[in-house]
Amino acid sequence: MLRYRLMPDSQWTPFLDAGAGFTATDIGHPDLSTIFEFNLQGGVGLEWRWRQNTAVVFQARYMHLSNAGIDSPNHGVNSLLFSGGLTWFF
């Protein structure tokens, strides 16, 4: 994953991130035909610096799983994830 922080020195920092990778899954037929899948993902979020070394993070992320045509069917699976958490900087 690569993350670009739009205003890195601000207490409220919006960010964009994107990445690609490999996934092993048991989703199977009819959506996916292989265990090995490629994933593409991207997201947007907001980081609130609560303290000097701690931030609260909220994010929305889209992810697509597909075998890139290695086998049929290759319908793919799309998901949208909303998350929140704490980040500790050291």
Protein backbone atom coordinates (compact mmCIF):
# COMPACT_ATOMS: atom_id res chain seq x y z
CA MET A 1 0.00 0.00 0.00
CA LEU A 2 1.10 3.52 -0.72
CA ARG A 3 -0.40 6.39 1.25
CA TYR A 4 -0.31 10.06 0.33
CA ARG A 5 -1.05 12.41 3.21
CA LEU A 6 -2.52 15.67 1.84
CA MET A 7 -1.68 17.96 4.80
CA PRO A 8 0.91 16.03 6.84
CA ASP A 9 1.64 18.78 9.39
CA SER A 10 -2.02 19.47 10.22
CA GLN A 11 -3.92 18.08 13.20
CA TRP A 12 -6.58 16.87 10.71
CA THR A 13 -4.87 15.03 7.84
CA PRO A 14 -6.85 13.64 4.90
CA PHE A 15 -5.14 10.89 2.92
CA LEU A 16 -5.44 8.72 -0.18
CA ASP A 17 -4.00 5.24 -0.52
CA ALA A 18 -3.76 2.56 -3.19
CA GLY A 19 -2.15 -0.80 -3.61
CA ALA A 20 -2.09 -4.18 -5.28
CA GLY A 21 -1.17 -7.65 -4.14
CA PHE A 22 -1.94 -11.35 -4.07
CA THR A 23 -4.61 -13.14 -2.07
CA ALA A 24 -5.46 -16.73 -1.21
CA THR A 25 -9.20 -17.21 -0.74
CA ASP A 26 -11.82 -19.92 -0.42
CA ILE A 27 -14.68 -17.90 -1.96
CA GLY A 28 -14.88 -20.34 -4.91
CA HIS A 29 -17.57 -20.83 -7.58
CA PRO A 30 -19.54 -19.08 -9.04
CA ASP A 31 -17.68 -15.84 -8.25
CA LEU A 32 -14.05 -16.98 -8.29
CA SER A 33 -12.52 -20.08 -9.87
CA THR A 34 -9.06 -20.22 -8.28
CA ILE A 35 -7.65 -19.97 -4.76
CA PHE A 36 -4.98 -17.55 -5.98
CA GLU A 37 -6.36 -14.08 -6.73
CA PHE A 38 -4.97 -10.65 -7.46
CA ASN A 39 -6.29 -7.73 -5.45
CA LEU A 40 -6.47 -4.05 -6.28
CA GLN A 41 -7.52 -1.56 -3.65
CA GLY A 42 -7.82 2.13 -3.00
CA GLY A 43 -9.15 4.28 -0.22
CA VAL A 44 -9.65 7.67 1.37
CA GLY A 45 -9.46 8.58 5.00
CA LEU A 46 -8.97 11.13 7.71
CA GLU A 47 -6.40 11.10 10.49
CA TRP A 48 -6.90 13.21 13.62
CA ARG A 49 -3.74 13.81 15.68
CA TRP A 50 -5.03 13.31 19.19
CA ARG A 51 -1.59 13.58 20.81
CA GLN A 52 1.92 14.07 19.46
CA ASN A 53 2.44 10.33 18.87
CA THR A 54 -1.20 9.11 18.63
CA ALA A 55 -3.87 9.55 15.96
CA VAL A 56 -7.45 8.39 15.45
CA VAL A 57 -8.00 7.16 11.88
CA PHE A 58 -11.21 6.72 9.86
CA GLN A 59 -11.11 5.18 6.40
CA ALA A 60 -13.21 3.89 3.50
CA ARG A 61 -11.59 1.40 1.13
CA TYR A 62 -12.64 -0.36 -2.09
CA MET A 63 -11.11 -3.75 -2.97
CA HIS A 64 -11.43 -5.90 -6.10
CA LEU A 65 -10.43 -9.60 -6.22
CA SER A 66 -9.96 -11.32 -9.58
CA ASN A 67 -7.80 -14.04 -11.11
CA ALA A 68 -6.99 -11.79 -14.10
CA GLY A 69 -8.33 -14.32 -16.59
CA ILE A 70 -6.16 -17.26 -15.47
CA ASP A 71 -9.26 -19.49 -15.27
CA SER A 72 -13.02 -19.24 -15.90
CA PRO A 73 -15.32 -18.00 -14.51
CA ASN A 74 -13.61 -14.77 -13.58
CA HIS A 75 -16.49 -12.65 -12.27
CA GLY A 76 -14.45 -11.14 -9.46
CA VAL A 77 -15.52 -9.93 -6.05
CA ASN A 78 -15.81 -6.27 -5.06
CA SER A 79 -16.03 -5.03 -1.50
CA LEU A 80 -16.28 -1.74 0.35
CA LEU A 81 -14.77 -1.52 3.83
CA PHE A 82 -15.24 1.17 6.48
CA SER A 83 -12.81 1.15 9.39
CA GLY A 84 -11.64 3.14 12.35
CA GLY A 85 -8.65 2.74 14.61
CA LEU A 86 -5.72 4.16 16.52
CA THR A 87 -2.26 4.82 15.09
CA TRP A 88 0.74 5.06 17.36
CA PHE A 89 3.84 6.79 15.95
CA PHE A 90 7.21 5.77 17.39
